[in-house]
Amino acid sequence: MLTKEELPACPVATTVQLIGSKWKLLILRNLLQRPWRFNEMKKTLEGISQKVLTDSLRSMEADGLITRTVYPEVPPHVEYALSDLGRSLRPVIKAMEEWGLDYKQQL
């Protein structure tokens, strides 16, 4: 997790830094529905590479937006879910969804 000194002074820039990539937003969209396993998430994110998904999930976990739970099974069962902090992004994502729908209707 970044320190306050490492984050941009602008709060909008901070939000963009944390969730601004295309893939992070789509991962958040999925995780707002329910916890996901890695492979099932990869299947729903058409075009994402395994490396980019892994890097995005690690980054979001380090930033405190998601949790990673490993279940002691063979083969290992790993689930990703939103943390409390991640769930607090729900209104932001919802506003983006509504704006996108409005924009499409105006075209």
C-alpha atoms as a PDB file:
ATOM      1  CA  MET A   1       0.000   0.000   0.000  1.00  0.00           C
ATOM      2  CA  LEU A   2       1.272   3.444  -0.878  1.00  0.00           C
ATOM      3  CA  THR A   3       1.916   6.020   1.811  1.00  0.00           C
ATOM      4  CA  LYS A   4       0.137   9.380   1.811  1.00  0.00           C
ATOM      5  CA  GLU A   5       3.355  11.016   0.659  1.00  0.00           C
ATOM      6  CA  GLU A   6       3.541   8.703  -2.382  1.00  0.00           C
ATOM      7  CA  LEU A   7      -0.005   9.475  -3.516  1.00  0.00           C
ATOM      8  CA  PRO A   8      -0.829  12.454  -5.752  1.00  0.00           C
ATOM      9  CA  ALA A   9      -1.988  15.610  -3.994  1.00  0.00           C
ATOM     10  CA  CYS A  10      -5.134  15.680  -6.124  1.00  0.00           C
ATOM     11  CA  PRO A  11      -7.824  13.281  -4.828  1.00  0.00           C
ATOM     12  CA  VAL A  12      -9.107  12.595  -8.351  1.00  0.00           C
ATOM     13  CA  ALA A  13      -5.577  11.631  -9.432  1.00  0.00           C
ATOM     14  CA  THR A  14      -5.354   9.331  -6.394  1.00  0.00           C
ATOM     15  CA  THR A  15      -8.548   7.533  -7.439  1.00  0.00           C
ATOM     16  CA  VAL A  16      -7.345   7.253 -11.035  1.00  0.00           C
ATOM     17  CA  GLN A  17      -4.012   5.862  -9.849  1.00  0.00           C
ATOM     18  CA  LEU A  18      -5.758   3.160  -7.808  1.00  0.00           C
ATOM     19  CA  ILE A  19      -8.532   2.105 -10.208  1.00  0.00           C
ATOM     20  CA  GLY A  20      -7.808   3.910 -13.466  1.00  0.00           C
ATOM     21  CA  SER A  21      -6.743   1.011 -15.637  1.00  0.00           C
ATOM     22  CA  LYS A  22      -9.271  -0.653 -17.910  1.00  0.00           C
ATOM     23  CA  TRP A  23      -8.696  -4.031 -16.302  1.00  0.00           C
ATOM     24  CA  LYS A  24      -8.903  -2.874 -12.696  1.00  0.00           C
ATOM     25  CA  LEU A  25     -12.282  -1.285 -13.358  1.00  0.00           C
ATOM     26  CA  LEU A  26     -13.592  -4.475 -14.958  1.00  0.00           C
ATOM     27  CA  ILE A  27     -12.203  -6.585 -12.114  1.00  0.00           C
ATOM     28  CA  LEU A  28     -13.993  -4.287  -9.641  1.00  0.00           C
ATOM     29  CA  ARG A  29     -17.190  -4.582 -11.679  1.00  0.00           C
ATOM     30  CA  ASN A  30     -17.018  -8.374 -11.365  1.00  0.00           C
ATOM     31  CA  LEU A  31     -16.119  -8.366  -7.689  1.00  0.00           C
ATOM     32  CA  LEU A  32     -19.066  -6.097  -6.893  1.00  0.00           C
ATOM     33  CA  GLN A  33     -21.257  -9.085  -7.826  1.00  0.00           C
ATOM     34  CA  ARG A  34     -19.539 -11.772  -5.721  1.00  0.00           C
ATOM     35  CA  PRO A  35     -16.148 -13.347  -4.924  1.00  0.00           C
ATOM     36  CA  TRP A  36     -14.408 -14.889  -7.945  1.00  0.00           C
ATOM     37  CA  ARG A  37     -11.750 -17.502  -8.568  1.00  0.00           C
ATOM     38  CA  PHE A  38      -8.828 -16.527 -10.804  1.00  0.00           C
ATOM     39  CA  ASN A  39      -9.677 -18.714 -13.821  1.00  0.00           C
ATOM     40  CA  GLU A  40     -13.367 -17.866 -13.868  1.00  0.00           C
ATOM     41  CA  MET A  41     -12.511 -14.165 -13.739  1.00  0.00           C
ATOM     42  CA  LYS A  42      -9.998 -14.580 -16.560  1.00  0.00           C
ATOM     43  CA  LYS A  43     -12.704 -16.199 -18.718  1.00  0.00           C
ATOM     44  CA  THR A  44     -15.055 -13.223 -18.260  1.00  0.00           C
ATOM     45  CA  LEU A  45     -12.386 -10.607 -19.037  1.00  0.00           C
ATOM     46  CA  GLU A  46     -11.916 -11.219 -22.738  1.00  0.00           C
ATOM     47  CA  GLY A  47      -8.459 -10.201 -23.909  1.00  0.00           C
ATOM     48  CA  ILE A  48      -6.728 -10.011 -20.536  1.00  0.00           C
ATOM     49  CA  SER A  49      -3.485 -11.948 -20.200  1.00  0.00           C
ATOM     50  CA  GLN A  50      -2.711 -14.086 -17.182  1.00  0.00           C
ATOM     51  CA  LYS A  51       0.181 -11.773 -16.301  1.00  0.00           C
ATOM     52  CA  VAL A  52      -1.923  -8.606 -16.433  1.00  0.00           C
ATOM     53  CA  LEU A  53      -4.684 -10.204 -14.340  1.00  0.00           C
ATOM     54  CA  THR A  54      -2.145 -11.452 -11.793  1.00  0.00           C
ATOM     55  CA  ASP A  55      -0.412  -8.058 -11.627  1.00  0.00           C
ATOM     56  CA  SER A  56      -3.723  -6.197 -11.329  1.00  0.00           C
ATOM     57  CA  LEU A  57      -4.987  -8.455  -8.550  1.00  0.00           C
ATOM     58  CA  ARG A  58      -1.702  -8.175  -6.640  1.00  0.00           C
ATOM     59  CA  SER A  59      -1.719  -4.396  -6.983  1.00  0.00           C
ATOM     60  CA  MET A  60      -5.328  -4.123  -5.839  1.00  0.00           C
ATOM     61  CA  GLU A  61      -4.616  -6.411  -2.885  1.00  0.00           C
ATOM     62  CA  ALA A  62      -1.565  -4.329  -1.930  1.00  0.00           C
ATOM     63  CA  ASP A  63      -3.709  -1.175  -2.135  1.00  0.00           C
ATOM     64  CA  GLY A  64      -6.270  -2.753   0.206  1.00  0.00           C
ATOM     65  CA  LEU A  65      -9.095  -2.881  -2.359  1.00  0.00           C
ATOM     66  CA  ILE A  66      -9.447  -6.671  -2.507  1.00  0.00           C
ATOM     67  CA  THR A  67      -8.765  -9.696  -0.346  1.00  0.00           C
ATOM     68  CA  ARG A  68      -7.249 -12.983  -1.436  1.00  0.00           C
ATOM     69  CA  THR A  69      -8.362 -16.092   0.449  1.00  0.00           C
ATOM     70  CA  VAL A  70      -6.537 -19.391  -0.028  1.00  0.00           C
ATOM     71  CA  TYR A  71      -8.467 -22.495   0.973  1.00  0.00           C
ATOM     72  CA  PRO A  72      -6.275 -25.463   1.975  1.00  0.00           C
ATOM     73  CA  GLU A  73      -7.449 -27.912  -0.668  1.00  0.00           C
ATOM     74  CA  VAL A  74      -5.813 -29.906  -3.414  1.00  0.00           C
ATOM     75  CA  PRO A  75      -5.661 -28.271  -5.874  1.00  0.00           C
ATOM     76  CA  PRO A  76      -5.534 -24.953  -3.986  1.00  0.00           C
ATOM     77  CA  HIS A  77      -8.746 -22.932  -4.114  1.00  0.00           C
ATOM     78  CA  VAL A  78      -8.152 -19.177  -4.148  1.00  0.00           C
ATOM     79  CA  GLU A  79     -10.920 -16.581  -4.092  1.00  0.00           C
ATOM     80  CA  TYR A  80     -10.735 -12.845  -4.611  1.00  0.00           C
ATOM     81  CA  ALA A  81     -13.297 -10.548  -3.015  1.00  0.00           C
ATOM     82  CA  LEU A  82     -13.690  -6.852  -2.321  1.00  0.00           C
ATOM     83  CA  SER A  83     -12.462  -5.574   1.004  1.00  0.00           C
ATOM     84  CA  ASP A  84     -14.529  -3.035   2.940  1.00  0.00           C
ATOM     85  CA  LEU A  85     -12.467  -0.334   1.248  1.00  0.00           C
ATOM     86  CA  GLY A  86     -13.117  -1.889  -2.156  1.00  0.00           C
ATOM     87  CA  ARG A  87     -16.856  -2.096  -1.482  1.00  0.00           C
ATOM     88  CA  SER A  88     -16.823   1.637  -0.745  1.00  0.00           C
ATOM     89  CA  LEU A  89     -16.149   2.127  -4.491  1.00  0.00           C
ATOM     90  CA  ARG A  90     -19.644   0.832  -5.346  1.00  0.00           C
ATOM     91  CA  PRO A  91     -21.168   4.333  -5.791  1.00  0.00           C
ATOM     92  CA  VAL A  92     -18.224   5.392  -7.967  1.00  0.00           C
ATOM     93  CA  ILE A  93     -18.605   2.384 -10.275  1.00  0.00           C
ATOM     94  CA  LYS A  94     -22.403   2.781 -10.288  1.00  0.00           C
ATOM     95  CA  ALA A  95     -22.056   6.447 -11.305  1.00  0.00           C
ATOM     96  CA  MET A  96     -19.711   5.414 -14.136  1.00  0.00           C
ATOM     97  CA  GLU A  97     -22.227   2.778 -15.273  1.00  0.00           C
ATOM     98  CA  GLU A  98     -25.090   5.292 -15.284  1.00  0.00           C
ATOM     99  CA  TRP A  99     -23.013   7.866 -17.136  1.00  0.00           C
ATOM    100  CA  GLY A 100     -22.028   5.263 -19.746  1.00  0.00           C
ATOM    101  CA  LEU A 101     -25.663   4.265 -20.267  1.00  0.00           C
ATOM    102  CA  ASP A 102     -26.723   7.910 -20.629  1.00  0.00           C
ATOM    103  CA  TYR A 103     -23.911   8.544 -23.107  1.00  0.00           C
ATOM    104  CA  LYS A 104     -24.888   5.544 -25.231  1.00  0.00           C
ATOM    105  CA  GLN A 105     -28.508   6.722 -25.330  1.00  0.00           C
ATOM    106  CA  GLN A 106     -27.448  10.157 -26.572  1.00  0.00           C
ATOM    107  CA  LEU A 107     -25.548   8.730 -29.537  1.00  0.00           C
END
